Amino acid sequence: MFDTKKKLKYAVIKWAMSTQRVFRTHISNPTNYTVKCVETGCSAKVHGHVPKYNIHWVVTNVVPHNCVRKKPVGSSSKPDFNSHCATHVY
């Protein structure tokens, strides 16, 4: 259970980062929040909502990933953000 939608979203972001996956918001309104994996064909999603007569957000559906990560995050040819910042700080 989460006190606010903001705390639910933060938990989803932390989980996505820890699994190195990318989610997109599918539904976001005052009582429902659903995110889905961006990979084509992947059925992964997380759904949370505020039940009737309740004030807390609950996660009621978590569908695991069936996609395979193409490359680990950070292995692209783009420069590392932290390295970029370190070279520009005096």
C-alpha atoms as a PDB file:
ATOM      1  CA  MET A   1       0.000   0.000   0.000  1.00  0.00           C
ATOM      2  CA  PHE A   2       1.100   3.511  -0.773  1.00  0.00           C
ATOM      3  CA  ASP A   3      -0.097   6.739   0.834  1.00  0.00           C
ATOM      4  CA  THR A   4      -0.003   8.699  -2.411  1.00  0.00           C
ATOM      5  CA  LYS A   5       0.150   8.168  -6.150  1.00  0.00           C
ATOM      6  CA  LYS A   6       3.531   9.899  -6.120  1.00  0.00           C
ATOM      7  CA  LYS A   7       4.937   7.209  -3.791  1.00  0.00           C
ATOM      8  CA  LEU A   8       3.528   4.453  -6.023  1.00  0.00           C
ATOM      9  CA  LYS A   9       5.129   6.039  -9.091  1.00  0.00           C
ATOM     10  CA  TYR A  10       8.451   6.360  -7.247  1.00  0.00           C
ATOM     11  CA  ALA A  11       8.378   2.646  -6.325  1.00  0.00           C
ATOM     12  CA  VAL A  12       7.680   1.697  -9.960  1.00  0.00           C
ATOM     13  CA  ILE A  13      10.560   3.913 -11.153  1.00  0.00           C
ATOM     14  CA  LYS A  14      12.979   2.366  -8.629  1.00  0.00           C
ATOM     15  CA  TRP A  15      11.924  -1.132  -9.671  1.00  0.00           C
ATOM     16  CA  ALA A  16      12.278  -0.300 -13.387  1.00  0.00           C
ATOM     17  CA  MET A  17      15.745   1.104 -12.787  1.00  0.00           C
ATOM     18  CA  SER A  18      16.841  -1.893 -10.709  1.00  0.00           C
ATOM     19  CA  THR A  19      15.722  -4.288 -13.458  1.00  0.00           C
ATOM     20  CA  GLN A  20      17.065  -1.982 -16.194  1.00  0.00           C
ATOM     21  CA  ARG A  21      13.735  -1.883 -18.024  1.00  0.00           C
ATOM     22  CA  VAL A  22      11.764   0.989 -19.521  1.00  0.00           C
ATOM     23  CA  PHE A  23       8.082   1.512 -18.829  1.00  0.00           C
ATOM     24  CA  ARG A  24       5.627   3.992 -20.327  1.00  0.00           C
ATOM     25  CA  THR A  25       2.533   5.305 -18.602  1.00  0.00           C
ATOM     26  CA  HIS A  26      -0.552   3.695 -20.116  1.00  0.00           C
ATOM     27  CA  ILE A  27      -3.246   5.039 -17.754  1.00  0.00           C
ATOM     28  CA  SER A  28      -2.887   7.805 -15.204  1.00  0.00           C
ATOM     29  CA  ASN A  29      -5.898   9.391 -13.579  1.00  0.00           C
ATOM     30  CA  PRO A  30      -6.949  10.258 -10.001  1.00  0.00           C
ATOM     31  CA  THR A  31      -7.814   6.630  -9.123  1.00  0.00           C
ATOM     32  CA  ASN A  32      -5.831   4.396 -11.562  1.00  0.00           C
ATOM     33  CA  TYR A  33      -2.201   4.093 -12.614  1.00  0.00           C
ATOM     34  CA  THR A  34      -0.910   1.570 -15.169  1.00  0.00           C
ATOM     35  CA  VAL A  35       2.519   1.345 -16.808  1.00  0.00           C
ATOM     36  CA  LYS A  36       3.594  -1.054 -19.559  1.00  0.00           C
ATOM     37  CA  CYS A  37       6.938  -2.206 -20.942  1.00  0.00           C
ATOM     38  CA  VAL A  38       8.011  -0.350 -24.090  1.00  0.00           C
ATOM     39  CA  GLU A  39       9.393  -3.455 -25.822  1.00  0.00           C
ATOM     40  CA  THR A  40       7.168  -4.666 -28.662  1.00  0.00           C
ATOM     41  CA  GLY A  41       5.420  -7.898 -27.746  1.00  0.00           C
ATOM     42  CA  CYS A  42       6.234  -7.711 -24.029  1.00  0.00           C
ATOM     43  CA  SER A  43       3.204  -8.076 -21.792  1.00  0.00           C
ATOM     44  CA  ALA A  44       4.840  -6.639 -18.660  1.00  0.00           C
ATOM     45  CA  LYS A  45       2.735  -4.140 -16.769  1.00  0.00           C
ATOM     46  CA  VAL A  46       2.057  -2.800 -13.296  1.00  0.00           C
ATOM     47  CA  HIS A  47      -1.398  -1.613 -12.271  1.00  0.00           C
ATOM     48  CA  GLY A  48      -2.321   0.219  -9.096  1.00  0.00           C
ATOM     49  CA  HIS A  49      -5.488   1.939  -7.969  1.00  0.00           C
ATOM     50  CA  VAL A  50      -7.361   3.383  -5.015  1.00  0.00           C
ATOM     51  CA  PRO A  51     -10.110   0.940  -4.005  1.00  0.00           C
ATOM     52  CA  LYS A  52     -13.601   2.271  -3.363  1.00  0.00           C
ATOM     53  CA  TYR A  53     -13.990   3.651   0.187  1.00  0.00           C
ATOM     54  CA  ASN A  54     -10.225   3.706   0.688  1.00  0.00           C
ATOM     55  CA  ILE A  55      -7.556   6.411   0.582  1.00  0.00           C
ATOM     56  CA  HIS A  56      -4.433   4.315  -0.050  1.00  0.00           C
ATOM     57  CA  TRP A  57      -3.055   3.146  -3.398  1.00  0.00           C
ATOM     58  CA  VAL A  58      -2.634  -0.612  -3.853  1.00  0.00           C
ATOM     59  CA  VAL A  59      -0.883  -2.585  -6.583  1.00  0.00           C
ATOM     60  CA  THR A  60      -3.281  -5.231  -7.849  1.00  0.00           C
ATOM     61  CA  ASN A  61      -1.619  -6.541 -10.996  1.00  0.00           C
ATOM     62  CA  VAL A  62       2.039  -7.162 -11.830  1.00  0.00           C
ATOM     63  CA  VAL A  63       2.719  -9.015 -15.090  1.00  0.00           C
ATOM     64  CA  PRO A  64       6.381 -10.086 -15.473  1.00  0.00           C
ATOM     65  CA  HIS A  65       8.521  -9.357 -18.519  1.00  0.00           C
ATOM     66  CA  ASN A  66       8.676 -11.841 -21.369  1.00  0.00           C
ATOM     67  CA  CYS A  67      11.099  -9.701 -23.387  1.00  0.00           C
ATOM     68  CA  VAL A  68      14.880  -9.983 -23.456  1.00  0.00           C
ATOM     69  CA  ARG A  69      17.029  -6.924 -22.858  1.00  0.00           C
ATOM     70  CA  LYS A  70      19.057  -6.097 -25.940  1.00  0.00           C
ATOM     71  CA  LYS A  71      21.999  -4.487 -24.110  1.00  0.00           C
ATOM     72  CA  PRO A  72      22.653  -3.525 -20.523  1.00  0.00           C
ATOM     73  CA  VAL A  73      22.016   0.116 -19.699  1.00  0.00           C
ATOM     74  CA  GLY A  74      25.222   2.118 -20.026  1.00  0.00           C
ATOM     75  CA  SER A  75      26.773  -0.018 -22.755  1.00  0.00           C
ATOM     76  CA  SER A  76      25.813   2.310 -25.603  1.00  0.00           C
ATOM     77  CA  SER A  77      28.216   4.507 -27.508  1.00  0.00           C
ATOM     78  CA  LYS A  78      26.732   7.617 -25.903  1.00  0.00           C
ATOM     79  CA  PRO A  79      28.937   9.308 -23.308  1.00  0.00           C
ATOM     80  CA  ASP A  80      28.220   8.552 -19.674  1.00  0.00           C
ATOM     81  CA  PHE A  81      26.202  11.331 -18.007  1.00  0.00           C
ATOM     82  CA  ASN A  82      28.319  11.274 -14.822  1.00  0.00           C
ATOM     83  CA  SER A  83      31.559  11.447 -16.790  1.00  0.00           C
ATOM     84  CA  HIS A  84      30.135  14.322 -18.790  1.00  0.00           C
ATOM     85  CA  CYS A  85      29.251  16.233 -15.612  1.00  0.00           C
ATOM     86  CA  ALA A  86      32.634  15.517 -14.013  1.00  0.00           C
ATOM     87  CA  THR A  87      34.518  17.006 -16.959  1.00  0.00           C
ATOM     88  CA  HIS A  88      32.507  20.228 -16.751  1.00  0.00           C
ATOM     89  CA  VAL A  89      32.817  20.851 -13.010  1.00  0.00           C
ATOM     90  CA  TYR A  90      35.767  23.020 -11.965  1.00  0.00           C
END
